[in-house]
Amino acid sequence: MYSQSIKILNKAGLHARPASLFIKTAAKFDSDIYIKFSGKTINAKSIVGVLSAGINSGSEIEMTAEGADEKAAIKSLVELIHSNFGEAF
């Protein structure tokens, strides 16, 4: 198992387009990937789970992956978040 905490800084948080990009990125990996936020564990490959979590700008999340490509999965998601989901800073 591999995990990393990160702060979401884009304006929309993990809503609509950013959530869709996050889930598409997570789905590329075989590992099970979860987000821990506000006492809940959310499947990072579930659009309903991610959207209903209420992860806003400034929220701190912990991403956890377990499987053969767990480190690559977390690294890819961190890069997506650091890229501000392709939005201007």
PDB file of N, CA and C in Angstrom:
ATOM      1  N   MET A   1       0.853  -1.177   0.000  1.00  0.00           N
ATOM      2  CA  MET A   1       0.000   0.000   0.000  1.00  0.00           C
ATOM      3  C   MET A   1       0.897   1.237   0.000  1.00  0.00           C
ATOM      4  N   TYR A   2       0.477   2.233  -0.764  1.00  0.00           N
ATOM      5  CA  TYR A   2       1.223   3.484  -0.888  1.00  0.00           C
ATOM      6  C   TYR A   2       0.227   4.624  -0.736  1.00  0.00           C
ATOM      7  N   SER A   3       0.586   5.637   0.040  1.00  0.00           N
ATOM      8  CA  SER A   3      -0.336   6.767   0.212  1.00  0.00           C
ATOM      9  C   SER A   3       0.415   8.081   0.254  1.00  0.00           C
ATOM     10  N   GLN A   4      -0.321   9.132  -0.042  1.00  0.00           N
ATOM     11  CA  GLN A   4       0.237  10.477  -0.002  1.00  0.00           C
ATOM     12  C   GLN A   4      -0.884  11.470   0.252  1.00  0.00           C
ATOM     13  N   SER A   5      -0.604  12.456   1.085  1.00  0.00           N
ATOM     14  CA  SER A   5      -1.554  13.539   1.337  1.00  0.00           C
ATOM     15  C   SER A   5      -1.227  14.708   0.425  1.00  0.00           C
ATOM     16  N   ILE A   6      -2.269  15.433   0.029  1.00  0.00           N
ATOM     17  CA  ILE A   6      -2.090  16.572  -0.869  1.00  0.00           C
ATOM     18  C   ILE A   6      -3.254  17.538  -0.684  1.00  0.00           C
ATOM     19  N   LYS A   7      -2.997  18.794  -0.943  1.00  0.00           N
ATOM     20  CA  LYS A   7      -4.034  19.821  -0.855  1.00  0.00           C
ATOM     21  C   LYS A   7      -4.552  20.122  -2.260  1.00  0.00           C
ATOM     22  N   ILE A   8      -5.864  20.209  -2.378  1.00  0.00           N
ATOM     23  CA  ILE A   8      -6.512  20.560  -3.644  1.00  0.00           C
ATOM     24  C   ILE A   8      -6.565  22.087  -3.721  1.00  0.00           C
ATOM     25  N   LEU A   9      -5.964  22.668  -4.765  1.00  0.00           N
ATOM     26  CA  LEU A   9      -5.868  24.128  -4.836  1.00  0.00           C
ATOM     27  C   LEU A   9      -6.640  24.774  -5.984  1.00  0.00           C
ATOM     28  N   ASN A  10      -7.124  23.981  -6.939  1.00  0.00           N
ATOM     29  CA  ASN A  10      -7.863  24.613  -8.038  1.00  0.00           C
ATOM     30  C   ASN A  10      -9.197  25.162  -7.523  1.00  0.00           C
ATOM     31  N   LYS A  11      -9.745  26.146  -8.226  1.00  0.00           N
ATOM     32  CA  LYS A  11     -10.937  26.858  -7.769  1.00  0.00           C
ATOM     33  C   LYS A  11     -12.131  25.951  -7.504  1.00  0.00           C
ATOM     34  N   ALA A  12     -12.362  24.980  -8.379  1.00  0.00           N
ATOM     35  CA  ALA A  12     -13.569  24.156  -8.287  1.00  0.00           C
ATOM     36  C   ALA A  12     -13.441  22.985  -7.325  1.00  0.00           C
ATOM     37  N   GLY A  13     -12.231  22.697  -6.847  1.00  0.00           N
ATOM     38  CA  GLY A  13     -12.056  21.492  -6.047  1.00  0.00           C
ATOM     39  C   GLY A  13     -12.263  20.276  -6.936  1.00  0.00           C
ATOM     40  N   LEU A  14     -12.671  19.162  -6.352  1.00  0.00           N
ATOM     41  CA  LEU A  14     -12.924  17.964  -7.156  1.00  0.00           C
ATOM     42  C   LEU A  14     -14.399  17.903  -7.534  1.00  0.00           C
ATOM     43  N   HIS A  15     -14.797  18.794  -8.409  1.00  0.00           N
ATOM     44  CA  HIS A  15     -16.160  18.861  -8.906  1.00  0.00           C
ATOM     45  C   HIS A  15     -16.133  18.907 -10.422  1.00  0.00           C
ATOM     46  N   ALA A  16     -17.141  18.348 -11.052  1.00  0.00           N
ATOM     47  CA  ALA A  16     -17.345  18.357 -12.500  1.00  0.00           C
ATOM     48  C   ALA A  16     -16.090  17.968 -13.286  1.00  0.00           C
ATOM     49  N   ARG A  17     -15.532  18.886 -14.053  1.00  0.00           N
ATOM     50  CA  ARG A  17     -14.416  18.552 -14.942  1.00  0.00           C
ATOM     51  C   ARG A  17     -13.182  18.044 -14.196  1.00  0.00           C
ATOM     52  N   PRO A  18     -12.738  18.693 -13.117  1.00  0.00           N
ATOM     53  CA  PRO A  18     -11.575  18.151 -12.405  1.00  0.00           C
ATOM     54  C   PRO A  18     -11.823  16.742 -11.855  1.00  0.00           C
ATOM     55  N   ALA A  19     -13.011  16.478 -11.350  1.00  0.00           N
ATOM     56  CA  ALA A  19     -13.325  15.141 -10.842  1.00  0.00           C
ATOM     57  C   ALA A  19     -13.288  14.120 -11.963  1.00  0.00           C
ATOM     58  N   SER A  20     -13.808  14.500 -13.115  1.00  0.00           N
ATOM     59  CA  SER A  20     -13.790  13.603 -14.272  1.00  0.00           C
ATOM     60  C   SER A  20     -12.361  13.271 -14.691  1.00  0.00           C
ATOM     61  N   LEU A  21     -11.499  14.273 -14.735  1.00  0.00           N
ATOM     62  CA  LEU A  21     -10.088  14.042 -15.069  1.00  0.00           C
ATOM     63  C   LEU A  21      -9.408  13.164 -14.022  1.00  0.00           C
ATOM     64  N   PHE A  22      -9.721  13.395 -12.756  1.00  0.00           N
ATOM     65  CA  PHE A  22      -9.144  12.609 -11.673  1.00  0.00           C
ATOM     66  C   PHE A  22      -9.534  11.137 -11.824  1.00  0.00           C
ATOM     67  N   ILE A  23     -10.809  10.884 -12.067  1.00  0.00           N
ATOM     68  CA  ILE A  23     -11.309   9.515 -12.180  1.00  0.00           C
ATOM     69  C   ILE A  23     -10.747   8.829 -13.419  1.00  0.00           C
ATOM     70  N   LYS A  24     -10.682   9.537 -14.536  1.00  0.00           N
ATOM     71  CA  LYS A  24     -10.101   8.956 -15.754  1.00  0.00           C
ATOM     72  C   LYS A  24      -8.641   8.583 -15.541  1.00  0.00           C
ATOM     73  N   THR A  25      -7.918   9.407 -14.815  1.00  0.00           N
ATOM     74  CA  THR A  25      -6.520   9.106 -14.516  1.00  0.00           C
ATOM     75  C   THR A  25      -6.429   7.884 -13.606  1.00  0.00           C
ATOM     76  N   ALA A  26      -7.235   7.843 -12.568  1.00  0.00           N
ATOM     77  CA  ALA A  26      -7.226   6.705 -11.637  1.00  0.00           C
ATOM     78  C   ALA A  26      -7.594   5.404 -12.342  1.00  0.00           C
ATOM     79  N   ALA A  27      -8.528   5.479 -13.287  1.00  0.00           N
ATOM     80  CA  ALA A  27      -9.006   4.284 -13.989  1.00  0.00           C
ATOM     81  C   ALA A  27      -7.941   3.651 -14.883  1.00  0.00           C
ATOM     82  N   LYS A  28      -6.891   4.375 -15.206  1.00  0.00           N
ATOM     83  CA  LYS A  28      -5.819   3.833 -16.042  1.00  0.00           C
ATOM     84  C   LYS A  28      -4.983   2.793 -15.311  1.00  0.00           C
ATOM     85  N   PHE A  29      -5.137   2.712 -13.995  1.00  0.00           N
ATOM     86  CA  PHE A  29      -4.298   1.842 -13.180  1.00  0.00           C
ATOM     87  C   PHE A  29      -5.093   0.656 -12.651  1.00  0.00           C
ATOM     88  N   ASP A  30      -4.391  -0.460 -12.488  1.00  0.00           N
ATOM     89  CA  ASP A  30      -5.021  -1.674 -11.964  1.00  0.00           C
ATOM     90  C   ASP A  30      -5.215  -1.618 -10.450  1.00  0.00           C
ATOM     91  N   SER A  31      -4.415  -0.834  -9.767  1.00  0.00           N
ATOM     92  CA  SER A  31      -4.480  -0.756  -8.304  1.00  0.00           C
ATOM     93  C   SER A  31      -5.834  -0.236  -7.837  1.00  0.00           C
ATOM     94  N   ASP A  32      -6.214  -0.650  -6.639  1.00  0.00           N
ATOM     95  CA  ASP A  32      -7.371  -0.058  -5.968  1.00  0.00           C
ATOM     96  C   ASP A  32      -6.906   1.279  -5.417  1.00  0.00           C
ATOM     97  N   ILE A  33      -7.665   2.334  -5.684  1.00  0.00           N
ATOM     98  CA  ILE A  33      -7.268   3.680  -5.268  1.00  0.00           C
ATOM     99  C   ILE A  33      -8.410   4.305  -4.481  1.00  0.00           C
ATOM    100  N   TYR A  34      -8.057   4.875  -3.334  1.00  0.00           N
ATOM    101  CA  TYR A  34      -9.059   5.492  -2.468  1.00  0.00           C
ATOM    102  C   TYR A  34      -8.615   6.876  -2.037  1.00  0.00           C
ATOM    103  N   ILE A  35      -9.598   7.711  -1.748  1.00  0.00           N
ATOM    104  CA  ILE A  35      -9.370   9.041  -1.193  1.00  0.00           C
ATOM    105  C   ILE A  35      -9.932   9.022   0.216  1.00  0.00           C
ATOM    106  N   LYS A  36      -9.139   9.486   1.162  1.00  0.00           N
ATOM    107  CA  LYS A  36      -9.635   9.665   2.525  1.00  0.00           C
ATOM    108  C   LYS A  36      -9.836  11.162   2.734  1.00  0.00           C
ATOM    109  N   PHE A  37     -11.079  11.501   3.092  1.00  0.00           N
ATOM    110  CA  PHE A  37     -11.421  12.914   3.272  1.00  0.00           C
ATOM    111  C   PHE A  37     -12.557  13.031   4.273  1.00  0.00           C
ATOM    112  N   SER A  38     -12.384  13.882   5.231  1.00  0.00           N
ATOM    113  CA  SER A  38     -13.424  14.195   6.200  1.00  0.00           C
ATOM    114  C   SER A  38     -13.993  12.931   6.865  1.00  0.00           C
ATOM    115  N   GLY A  39     -13.095  12.011   7.223  1.00  0.00           N
ATOM    116  CA  GLY A  39     -13.514  10.797   7.912  1.00  0.00           C
ATOM    117  C   GLY A  39     -14.111   9.718   7.033  1.00  0.00           C
ATOM    118  N   LYS A  40     -14.131   9.949   5.721  1.00  0.00           N
ATOM    119  CA  LYS A  40     -14.723   8.979   4.792  1.00  0.00           C
ATOM    120  C   LYS A  40     -13.636   8.415   3.882  1.00  0.00           C
ATOM    121  N   THR A  41     -13.852   7.208   3.412  1.00  0.00           N
ATOM    122  CA  THR A  41     -12.996   6.595   2.408  1.00  0.00           C
ATOM    123  C   THR A  41     -13.813   6.455   1.135  1.00  0.00           C
ATOM    124  N   ILE A  42     -13.305   7.042   0.051  1.00  0.00           N
ATOM    125  CA  ILE A  42     -14.031   7.130  -1.213  1.00  0.00           C
ATOM    126  C   ILE A  42     -13.256   6.392  -2.299  1.00  0.00           C
ATOM    127  N   ASN A  43     -13.954   5.620  -3.096  1.00  0.00           N
ATOM    128  CA  ASN A  43     -13.334   4.962  -4.237  1.00  0.00           C
ATOM    129  C   ASN A  43     -12.968   6.037  -5.260  1.00  0.00           C
ATOM    130  N   ALA A  44     -11.687   6.163  -5.569  1.00  0.00           N
ATOM    131  CA  ALA A  44     -11.206   7.212  -6.472  1.00  0.00           C
ATOM    132  C   ALA A  44     -11.590   6.965  -7.923  1.00  0.00           C
ATOM    133  N   LYS A  45     -12.172   5.799  -8.219  1.00  0.00           N
ATOM    134  CA  LYS A  45     -12.595   5.495  -9.582  1.00  0.00           C
ATOM    135  C   LYS A  45     -14.114   5.640  -9.744  1.00  0.00           C
ATOM    136  N   SER A  46     -14.776   6.168  -8.726  1.00  0.00           N
ATOM    137  CA  SER A  46     -16.230   6.331  -8.734  1.00  0.00           C
ATOM    138  C   SER A  46     -16.598   7.811  -8.848  1.00  0.00           C
ATOM    139  N   ILE A  47     -17.210   8.181  -9.962  1.00  0.00           N
ATOM    140  CA  ILE A  47     -17.598   9.579 -10.166  1.00  0.00           C
ATOM    141  C   ILE A  47     -18.602  10.022  -9.100  1.00  0.00           C
ATOM    142  N   VAL A  48     -19.543   9.154  -8.767  1.00  0.00           N
ATOM    143  CA  VAL A  48     -20.545   9.494  -7.754  1.00  0.00           C
ATOM    144  C   VAL A  48     -19.877   9.693  -6.399  1.00  0.00           C
ATOM    145  N   GLY A  49     -18.960   8.816  -6.041  1.00  0.00           N
ATOM    146  CA  GLY A  49     -18.269   8.926  -4.762  1.00  0.00           C
ATOM    147  C   GLY A  49     -17.446  10.192  -4.654  1.00  0.00           C
ATOM    148  N   VAL A  50     -16.693  10.495  -5.695  1.00  0.00           N
ATOM    149  CA  VAL A  50     -15.828  11.677  -5.679  1.00  0.00           C
ATOM    150  C   VAL A  50     -16.660  12.961  -5.668  1.00  0.00           C
ATOM    151  N   LEU A  51     -17.674  13.034  -6.501  1.00  0.00           N
ATOM    152  CA  LEU A  51     -18.499  14.238  -6.554  1.00  0.00           C
ATOM    153  C   LEU A  51     -19.267  14.461  -5.254  1.00  0.00           C
ATOM    154  N   SER A  52     -19.743  13.385  -4.635  1.00  0.00           N
ATOM    155  CA  SER A  52     -20.545  13.537  -3.417  1.00  0.00           C
ATOM    156  C   SER A  52     -19.690  13.781  -2.170  1.00  0.00           C
ATOM    157  N   ALA A  53     -18.372  13.650  -2.283  1.00  0.00           N
ATOM    158  CA  ALA A  53     -17.493  13.839  -1.123  1.00  0.00           C
ATOM    159  C   ALA A  53     -17.380  15.300  -0.695  1.00  0.00           C
ATOM    160  N   GLY A  54     -17.647  16.228  -1.602  1.00  0.00           N
ATOM    161  CA  GLY A  54     -17.572  17.651  -1.255  1.00  0.00           C
ATOM    162  C   GLY A  54     -16.160  18.154  -1.056  1.00  0.00           C
ATOM    163  N   ILE A  55     -15.241  17.705  -1.914  1.00  0.00           N
ATOM    164  CA  ILE A  55     -13.838  18.108  -1.810  1.00  0.00           C
ATOM    165  C   ILE A  55     -13.668  19.455  -2.512  1.00  0.00           C
ATOM    166  N   ASN A  56     -13.555  20.496  -1.728  1.00  0.00           N
ATOM    167  CA  ASN A  56     -13.467  21.859  -2.248  1.00  0.00           C
ATOM    168  C   ASN A  56     -12.021  22.328  -2.324  1.00  0.00           C
ATOM    169  N   SER A  57     -11.833  23.480  -2.932  1.00  0.00           N
ATOM    170  CA  SER A  57     -10.516  24.103  -2.968  1.00  0.00           C
ATOM    171  C   SER A  57     -10.019  24.328  -1.552  1.00  0.00           C
ATOM    172  N   GLY A  58      -8.771  23.970  -1.320  1.00  0.00           N
ATOM    173  CA  GLY A  58      -8.182  24.105  -0.001  1.00  0.00           C
ATOM    174  C   GLY A  58      -8.297  22.849   0.851  1.00  0.00           C
ATOM    175  N   SER A  59      -9.059  21.861   0.374  1.00  0.00           N
ATOM    176  CA  SER A  59      -9.224  20.612   1.118  1.00  0.00           C
ATOM    177  C   SER A  59      -7.954  19.780   1.070  1.00  0.00           C
ATOM    178  N   GLU A  60      -7.633  19.144   2.177  1.00  0.00           N
ATOM    179  CA  GLU A  60      -6.509  18.216   2.268  1.00  0.00           C
ATOM    180  C   GLU A  60      -7.077  16.801   2.140  1.00  0.00           C
ATOM    181  N   ILE A  61      -6.554  16.038   1.187  1.00  0.00           N
ATOM    182  CA  ILE A  61      -6.993  14.661   1.015  1.00  0.00           C
ATOM    183  C   ILE A  61      -5.798  13.731   1.157  1.00  0.00           C
ATOM    184  N   GLU A  62      -6.076  12.481   1.477  1.00  0.00           N
ATOM    185  CA  GLU A  62      -5.047  11.455   1.462  1.00  0.00           C
ATOM    186  C   GLU A  62      -5.444  10.437   0.400  1.00  0.00           C
ATOM    187  N   MET A  63      -4.555  10.192  -0.535  1.00  0.00           N
ATOM    188  CA  MET A  63      -4.789   9.198  -1.574  1.00  0.00           C
ATOM    189  C   MET A  63      -4.025   7.938  -1.206  1.00  0.00           C
ATOM    190  N   THR A  64      -4.689   6.802  -1.324  1.00  0.00           N
ATOM    191  CA  THR A  64      -4.079   5.517  -1.019  1.00  0.00           C
ATOM    192  C   THR A  64      -4.305   4.581  -2.191  1.00  0.00           C
ATOM    193  N   ALA A  65      -3.250   3.872  -2.585  1.00  0.00           N
ATOM    194  CA  ALA A  65      -3.364   2.893  -3.656  1.00  0.00           C
ATOM    195  C   ALA A  65      -2.759   1.580  -3.196  1.00  0.00           C
ATOM    196  N   GLU A  66      -3.365   0.500  -3.648  1.00  0.00           N
ATOM    197  CA  GLU A  66      -2.845  -0.825  -3.324  1.00  0.00           C
ATOM    198  C   GLU A  66      -2.922  -1.695  -4.568  1.00  0.00           C
ATOM    199  N   GLY A  67      -1.762  -2.188  -4.984  1.00  0.00           N
ATOM    200  CA  GLY A  67      -1.699  -3.041  -6.158  1.00  0.00           C
ATOM    201  C   GLY A  67      -0.340  -2.930  -6.816  1.00  0.00           C
ATOM    202  N   ALA A  68      -0.208  -3.603  -7.939  1.00  0.00           N
ATOM    203  CA  ALA A  68       1.084  -3.688  -8.629  1.00  0.00           C
ATOM    204  C   ALA A  68       1.617  -2.337  -9.087  1.00  0.00           C
ATOM    205  N   ASP A  69       0.726  -1.418  -9.440  1.00  0.00           N
ATOM    206  CA  ASP A  69       1.153  -0.111  -9.961  1.00  0.00           C
ATOM    207  C   ASP A  69       0.785   1.034  -9.002  1.00  0.00           C
ATOM    208  N   GLU A  70       0.769   0.741  -7.706  1.00  0.00           N
ATOM    209  CA  GLU A  70       0.307   1.715  -6.711  1.00  0.00           C
ATOM    210  C   GLU A  70       1.109   3.007  -6.688  1.00  0.00           C
ATOM    211  N   LYS A  71       2.421   2.915  -6.767  1.00  0.00           N
ATOM    212  CA  LYS A  71       3.247   4.136  -6.729  1.00  0.00           C
ATOM    213  C   LYS A  71       3.043   4.971  -7.980  1.00  0.00           C
ATOM    214  N   ALA A  72       2.975   4.322  -9.127  1.00  0.00           N
ATOM    215  CA  ALA A  72       2.747   5.043 -10.383  1.00  0.00           C
ATOM    216  C   ALA A  72       1.377   5.716 -10.378  1.00  0.00           C
ATOM    217  N   ALA A  73       0.383   5.052  -9.796  1.00  0.00           N
ATOM    218  CA  ALA A  73      -0.967   5.618  -9.737  1.00  0.00           C
ATOM    219  C   ALA A  73      -0.984   6.897  -8.911  1.00  0.00           C
ATOM    220  N   ILE A  74      -0.404   6.836  -7.722  1.00  0.00           N
ATOM    221  CA  ILE A  74      -0.387   8.015  -6.858  1.00  0.00           C
ATOM    222  C   ILE A  74       0.442   9.129  -7.493  1.00  0.00           C
ATOM    223  N   LYS A  75       1.570   8.774  -8.069  1.00  0.00           N
ATOM    224  CA  LYS A  75       2.422   9.780  -8.727  1.00  0.00           C
ATOM    225  C   LYS A  75       1.649  10.490  -9.840  1.00  0.00           C
ATOM    226  N   SER A  76       0.918   9.747 -10.640  1.00  0.00           N
ATOM    227  CA  SER A  76       0.153  10.328 -11.741  1.00  0.00           C
ATOM    228  C   SER A  76      -0.951  11.259 -11.223  1.00  0.00           C
ATOM    229  N   LEU A  77      -1.627  10.861 -10.155  1.00  0.00           N
ATOM    230  CA  LEU A  77      -2.682  11.705  -9.583  1.00  0.00           C
ATOM    231  C   LEU A  77      -2.112  12.966  -8.944  1.00  0.00           C
ATOM    232  N   VAL A  78      -0.962  12.843  -8.294  1.00  0.00           N
ATOM    233  CA  VAL A  78      -0.298  14.016  -7.719  1.00  0.00           C
ATOM    234  C   VAL A  78       0.088  14.993  -8.831  1.00  0.00           C
ATOM    235  N   GLU A  79       0.624  14.478  -9.929  1.00  0.00           N
ATOM    236  CA  GLU A  79       0.998  15.340 -11.059  1.00  0.00           C
ATOM    237  C   GLU A  79      -0.225  16.048 -11.624  1.00  0.00           C
ATOM    238  N   LEU A  80      -1.353  15.345 -11.712  1.00  0.00           N
ATOM    239  CA  LEU A  80      -2.589  15.957 -12.204  1.00  0.00           C
ATOM    240  C   LEU A  80      -3.018  17.093 -11.280  1.00  0.00           C
ATOM    241  N   ILE A  81      -2.977  16.860  -9.986  1.00  0.00           N
ATOM    242  CA  ILE A  81      -3.371  17.888  -9.022  1.00  0.00           C
ATOM    243  C   ILE A  81      -2.403  19.071  -9.080  1.00  0.00           C
ATOM    244  N   HIS A  82      -1.104  18.785  -9.154  1.00  0.00           N
ATOM    245  CA  HIS A  82      -0.105  19.870  -9.235  1.00  0.00           C
ATOM    246  C   HIS A  82      -0.233  20.665 -10.531  1.00  0.00           C
ATOM    247  N   SER A  83      -0.776  20.043 -11.581  1.00  0.00           N
ATOM    248  CA  SER A  83      -0.969  20.756 -12.843  1.00  0.00           C
ATOM    249  C   SER A  83      -2.223  21.632 -12.801  1.00  0.00           C
ATOM    250  N   ASN A  84      -2.904  21.632 -11.645  1.00  0.00           N
ATOM    251  CA  ASN A  84      -4.139  22.405 -11.479  1.00  0.00           C
ATOM    252  C   ASN A  84      -5.223  21.925 -12.438  1.00  0.00           C
ATOM    253  N   PHE A  85      -5.162  20.630 -12.774  1.00  0.00           N
ATOM    254  CA  PHE A  85      -6.125  19.998 -13.668  1.00  0.00           C
ATOM    255  C   PHE A  85      -6.181  20.701 -15.026  1.00  0.00           C
ATOM    256  N   GLY A  86      -5.036  21.258 -15.428  1.00  0.00           N
ATOM    257  CA  GLY A  86      -4.951  21.927 -16.718  1.00  0.00           C
ATOM    258  C   GLY A  86      -5.543  23.321 -16.743  1.00  0.00           C
ATOM    259  N   GLU A  87      -5.958  23.828 -15.596  1.00  0.00           N
ATOM    260  CA  GLU A  87      -6.548  25.171 -15.531  1.00  0.00           C
ATOM    261  C   GLU A  87      -5.457  26.186 -15.216  1.00  0.00           C
ATOM    262  N   ALA A  88      -5.714  27.427 -15.543  1.00  0.00           N
ATOM    263  CA  ALA A  88      -4.776  28.501 -15.207  1.00  0.00           C
ATOM    264  C   ALA A  88      -4.755  28.694 -13.701  1.00  0.00           C
ATOM    265  N   PHE A  89      -3.596  29.024 -13.180  1.00  0.00           N
ATOM    266  CA  PHE A  89      -3.467  29.220 -11.721  1.00  0.00           C
ATOM    267  C   PHE A  89      -3.984  30.559 -11.305  1.00  0.00           C
TER     268      PHE A  89
END
